[in-house]
Protein backbone atom coordinates (compact mmCIF):
# COMPACT_ATOMS: atom_id res chain seq x y z
CA MET A 1 -58.54 -41.85 77.00
CA ASN A 2 -58.77 -38.49 78.75
CA ALA A 3 -59.50 -35.20 76.94
CA GLU A 4 -55.87 -34.07 77.02
CA ALA A 5 -54.67 -37.31 75.45
CA GLY A 6 -57.37 -37.07 72.80
CA SER A 7 -56.30 -33.52 71.97
CA THR A 8 -52.68 -34.63 71.71
CA GLY A 9 -53.67 -37.40 69.31
CA THR A 10 -55.69 -34.98 67.21
CA ASN A 11 -52.78 -32.51 67.04
CA ALA A 12 -50.39 -35.29 66.02
CA GLU A 13 -52.78 -36.39 63.30
CA LEU A 14 -53.07 -32.79 62.10
CA ARG A 15 -49.29 -32.44 61.94
CA ARG A 16 -48.98 -35.69 60.00
CA GLY A 17 -51.64 -34.54 57.54
CA ILE A 18 -49.90 -31.21 57.01
CA ALA A 19 -46.53 -32.90 56.52
CA ARG A 20 -48.10 -35.32 54.01
CA ARG A 21 -49.55 -32.43 52.01
CA PHE A 22 -46.26 -30.54 51.93
CA ILE A 23 -44.48 -33.66 50.67
CA GLN A 24 -47.13 -33.99 47.95
CA VAL A 25 -46.70 -30.36 46.89
CA LEU A 26 -42.90 -30.57 46.81
CA THR A 27 -43.12 -33.77 44.76
CA GLN A 28 -45.49 -32.07 42.32
CA PHE A 29 -43.08 -29.17 41.94
CA ALA A 30 -40.19 -31.54 41.29
CA VAL A 31 -42.15 -33.42 38.62
CA GLN A 32 -43.34 -30.23 36.95
CA ALA A 33 -39.84 -28.73 36.94
CA LEU A 34 -38.51 -31.97 35.45
CA LEU A 35 -41.16 -31.83 32.72
CA LEU A 36 -40.54 -28.17 31.95
CA PHE A 37 -36.75 -28.12 31.88
CA GLY A 38 -36.41 -31.69 30.65
CA ALA A 39 -38.55 -30.88 27.60
CA ALA A 40 -36.58 -27.66 27.08
CA GLY A 41 -33.29 -29.54 27.29
CA THR A 42 -31.69 -26.85 29.43
CA LEU A 43 -31.77 -25.27 32.85
CA ARG A 44 -30.71 -21.93 31.40
CA TRP A 45 -34.22 -20.60 30.88
CA GLY A 46 -35.06 -17.48 32.86
CA TRP A 47 -38.75 -17.47 32.00
CA GLY A 48 -39.08 -21.07 33.13
CA TRP A 49 -37.53 -20.21 36.47
CA ALA A 50 -39.81 -17.18 36.70
CA LEU A 51 -42.84 -19.45 36.44
CA ILE A 52 -41.48 -21.84 39.06
CA GLY A 53 -40.61 -18.92 41.34
CA MET A 54 -44.11 -17.46 41.09
CA ALA A 55 -45.62 -20.84 41.92
CA LEU A 56 -43.34 -21.28 44.95
CA LEU A 57 -44.25 -17.80 46.16
CA MET A 58 -47.95 -18.66 45.88
CA VAL A 59 -47.44 -21.83 47.92
CA ALA A 60 -45.47 -19.95 50.57
CA VAL A 61 -48.19 -17.31 50.96
CA ASN A 62 -50.96 -19.92 51.00
CA SER A 63 -49.12 -21.99 53.59
CA TRP A 64 -48.59 -19.07 55.94
CA PHE A 65 -52.24 -18.02 55.88
CA LEU A 66 -53.65 -21.54 56.03
CA LEU A 67 -51.43 -22.56 58.92
CA HIS A 68 -52.66 -19.55 60.88
CA ARG A 69 -56.33 -19.56 59.83
CA HIS A 70 -57.48 -23.12 59.11
CA PRO A 71 -54.71 -25.74 58.91
CA GLU A 72 -57.35 -28.47 58.50
CA THR A 73 -57.74 -27.28 54.91
CA ILE A 74 -54.14 -28.30 54.22
CA VAL A 75 -54.94 -31.79 55.48
CA GLU A 76 -58.12 -31.91 53.39
CA ARG A 77 -56.20 -31.01 50.23
CA GLY A 78 -53.80 -33.88 50.83
CA ARG A 79 -56.26 -36.70 51.44
CA LEU A 80 -58.06 -39.15 49.16
CA ALA A 81 -61.72 -38.99 50.12
CA GLU A 82 -64.06 -41.93 49.74
CA ASN A 83 -66.97 -39.77 48.58
CA TRP A 84 -65.05 -38.08 45.74
CA LYS A 85 -67.48 -37.72 42.83
CA ALA A 86 -66.77 -40.24 40.06
CA TRP A 87 -67.15 -37.70 37.26
CA ASP A 88 -64.64 -35.43 38.98
CA ARG A 89 -62.03 -38.17 38.96
CA ILE A 90 -62.17 -38.07 35.16
CA LEU A 91 -62.21 -34.28 34.93
CA GLY A 92 -59.41 -34.01 37.48
CA LEU A 93 -57.21 -36.29 35.40
CA ALA A 94 -58.03 -34.34 32.23
CA LEU A 95 -57.15 -31.03 33.91
CA THR A 96 -53.88 -32.49 35.15
CA LEU A 97 -52.99 -33.58 31.62
CA THR A 98 -53.81 -30.20 30.05
CA LEU A 99 -52.83 -27.53 32.57
CA PHE A 100 -50.33 -29.13 34.92
CA ILE A 101 -48.56 -31.34 32.35
CA GLY A 102 -49.53 -30.30 28.82
CA VAL A 103 -48.73 -26.59 29.09
CA LEU A 104 -45.32 -27.26 30.65
CA LEU A 105 -44.38 -30.06 28.28
CA VAL A 106 -45.38 -28.19 25.11
CA ALA A 107 -43.78 -24.94 26.28
CA GLY A 108 -40.56 -26.78 27.08
CA LEU A 109 -40.47 -28.45 23.67
CA ASP A 110 -41.23 -25.07 22.08
CA ARG A 111 -38.25 -23.61 23.92
CA ARG A 112 -36.03 -26.45 22.65
CA HIS A 113 -37.18 -26.35 19.01
CA ALA A 114 -38.15 -22.66 18.71
CA TRP A 115 -41.57 -23.41 17.20
CA THR A 116 -43.02 -20.04 18.20
CA GLY A 117 -39.88 -18.03 17.66
CA ALA A 118 -39.24 -14.81 19.54
CA LEU A 119 -42.40 -13.64 21.29
CA ALA A 120 -42.58 -9.90 21.96
CA LEU A 121 -41.77 -8.84 25.51
CA GLY A 122 -45.18 -7.20 25.83
CA TRP A 123 -46.92 -10.56 25.39
CA ARG A 124 -44.64 -12.19 27.94
CA LEU A 125 -45.30 -9.43 30.47
CA LEU A 126 -49.03 -9.84 29.82
CA GLY A 127 -48.52 -13.51 30.63
CA VAL A 128 -46.71 -12.61 33.85
CA ALA A 129 -49.58 -10.33 34.85
CA GLY A 130 -52.18 -12.96 33.94
CA ASN A 131 -50.40 -15.73 35.81
CA ALA A 132 -49.93 -13.49 38.85
CA ALA A 133 -53.58 -12.40 38.81
CA GLY A 134 -54.82 -15.97 38.38
CA SER A 135 -52.55 -17.22 41.16
CA ALA A 136 -53.64 -14.42 43.48
CA LEU A 137 -57.34 -15.13 42.87
CA PHE A 138 -56.84 -18.86 43.38
CA SER A 139 -54.91 -18.20 46.60
CA TRP A 140 -57.51 -15.75 47.88
CA ALA A 141 -60.27 -18.31 47.32
CA MET A 142 -58.28 -21.02 49.11
CA ILE A 143 -57.46 -18.80 52.08
CA GLU A 144 -61.04 -17.54 52.40
CA ASN A 145 -62.80 -20.89 52.05
CA ALA A 146 -62.01 -23.36 54.84
CA TYR A 147 -63.48 -26.18 52.69
CA PHE A 148 -61.38 -25.53 49.58
CA SER A 149 -60.63 -29.10 48.51
CA THR A 150 -58.71 -30.49 45.54
CA VAL A 151 -61.68 -32.73 44.69
CA VAL A 152 -65.44 -32.35 44.43
CA ARG A 153 -67.08 -33.87 47.47
CA ILE A 154 -69.48 -32.82 50.22
CA GLN A 155 -67.39 -32.64 53.38
CA ASP A 156 -69.95 -33.95 55.87
CA ASP A 157 -67.09 -35.16 58.05
CA ARG A 158 -65.93 -31.54 58.45
CA GLY A 159 -69.34 -29.90 58.74
CA GLN A 160 -68.99 -28.08 55.42
CA ALA A 161 -70.74 -24.72 55.18
CA VAL A 162 -71.18 -22.28 52.31
CA CYS A 163 -68.47 -19.63 51.94
CA THR A 164 -69.95 -16.24 51.01
CA THR A 165 -67.07 -13.88 51.78
CA GLY A 166 -64.06 -12.54 49.88
CA PRO A 167 -64.03 -13.48 46.17
CA TYR A 168 -67.13 -15.65 46.74
CA ARG A 169 -69.14 -12.43 46.78
CA LEU A 170 -68.22 -11.96 43.10
CA VAL A 171 -68.50 -15.47 41.65
CA ARG A 172 -69.36 -18.84 43.14
CA HIS A 173 -66.18 -20.57 41.92
CA PRO A 174 -63.34 -18.01 42.04
CA GLY A 175 -60.65 -20.69 42.27
CA TYR A 176 -61.59 -22.04 38.86
CA LEU A 177 -61.59 -18.52 37.44
CA GLY A 178 -58.05 -18.13 38.73
CA LEU A 179 -56.99 -21.36 37.00
CA LEU A 180 -58.68 -20.22 33.79
CA VAL A 181 -56.62 -17.02 33.76
CA GLN A 182 -53.45 -18.99 34.49
CA ALA A 183 -54.19 -21.36 31.61
CA VAL A 184 -53.76 -18.42 29.24
CA GLY A 185 -51.14 -16.51 31.21
CA GLN A 186 -48.61 -19.33 31.61
CA PRO A 187 -48.10 -20.07 27.89
CA LEU A 188 -47.57 -16.36 27.19
CA LEU A 189 -45.15 -16.01 30.11
CA LEU A 190 -43.17 -18.97 28.74
CA GLY A 191 -43.24 -17.49 25.24
CA SER A 192 -45.07 -20.40 23.65
CA LEU A 193 -48.09 -19.90 21.42
CA TRP A 194 -48.22 -23.67 20.94
CA ALA A 195 -48.75 -24.13 24.68
CA LEU A 196 -51.98 -22.16 24.29
CA ILE A 197 -53.42 -25.38 22.79
CA PRO A 198 -53.35 -27.41 26.02
CA GLY A 199 -54.04 -24.19 27.91
CA GLY A 200 -57.10 -23.58 25.75
CA LEU A 201 -58.31 -27.15 26.27
CA THR A 202 -58.29 -26.42 29.99
CA ILE A 203 -61.00 -23.78 29.61
CA PRO A 204 -63.93 -26.04 28.56
CA LEU A 205 -62.86 -28.57 31.18
CA LEU A 206 -63.02 -25.89 33.87
CA ILE A 207 -66.41 -24.72 32.61
CA LEU A 208 -67.75 -28.28 32.72
CA ARG A 209 -66.33 -28.89 36.20
CA THR A 210 -67.83 -25.63 37.40
CA ALA A 211 -71.28 -26.57 36.07
CA LEU A 212 -71.22 -30.08 37.56
CA GLU A 213 -69.84 -28.96 40.91
CA ASP A 214 -72.36 -26.13 41.11
CA ARG A 215 -75.19 -28.59 40.48
CA THR A 216 -73.81 -30.94 43.15
CA LEU A 217 -73.62 -28.14 45.71
CA ARG A 218 -77.16 -27.01 44.91
CA GLU A 219 -78.48 -30.52 45.48
CA GLU A 220 -76.40 -31.61 48.46
CA LEU A 221 -75.03 -28.65 50.45
CA PRO A 222 -77.54 -26.89 52.75
CA GLY A 223 -77.66 -23.15 52.20
CA TYR A 224 -76.05 -23.22 48.76
CA GLU A 225 -79.29 -22.65 46.85
CA ALA A 226 -79.90 -19.46 48.82
CA TYR A 227 -76.29 -18.41 48.15
CA THR A 228 -76.84 -18.73 44.39
CA ARG A 229 -79.52 -16.05 44.64
CA GLN A 230 -77.05 -13.79 46.42
CA THR A 231 -74.10 -14.45 44.08
CA ARG A 232 -75.57 -14.94 40.61
CA TYR A 233 -72.57 -15.83 38.50
CA ARG A 234 -70.75 -19.15 38.60
CA LEU A 235 -67.43 -18.39 36.93
CA ILE A 236 -67.24 -15.11 35.03
CA PRO A 237 -68.81 -11.93 36.51
CA GLY A 238 -71.59 -10.56 34.35
CA VAL A 239 -71.42 -13.49 31.92
CA TRP A 240 -72.09 -16.89 33.53
């Protein structure tokens, strides 16, 4: 096979990987919307659509930047890697159940049965701000770090290197900090104090995942130990 043919094959594989990831993301959105509005028993829920709209906007922004800067990251986020850490498989499932399913399901049921009642507009707007800030931080981390995967693994096949720019100058795991803020912001945006229960359960799971991933990177990723001396805090600036 000549070099041009090899390049063509690589480009075709890249396009297939990107298409696969977009299908995954659209399927996730469909399932989450079904959970949210199915539990609520109605499509006439402005705050629910606001949450979906914010999430779609985040994906659109991420996609534009990733396609122009490092499209291989899109492919990475859509693949099932053989060297995915076993403990992360468990934590990943737990986070899916709390943040990506639990918050939506409980908030939808709260909307149907009015468990919380009328939540003041100020709290909802605080939730909007929190969800927007968390989404923006998560997006920034993904765009800045070419090795931003959905799973914990050392990407030897991609020549993984330590990211020290952008939000990684503030904390070592800014994506998880973004999710943590969203775990509180989304229930408030949706007007459900009961949804703060699964949202709150997300926080210790994120802290545990941060600790285990940080230990893995210290042990297995060259240059990470030196980076920890440059950026001291794992998750929350000035705290931990």
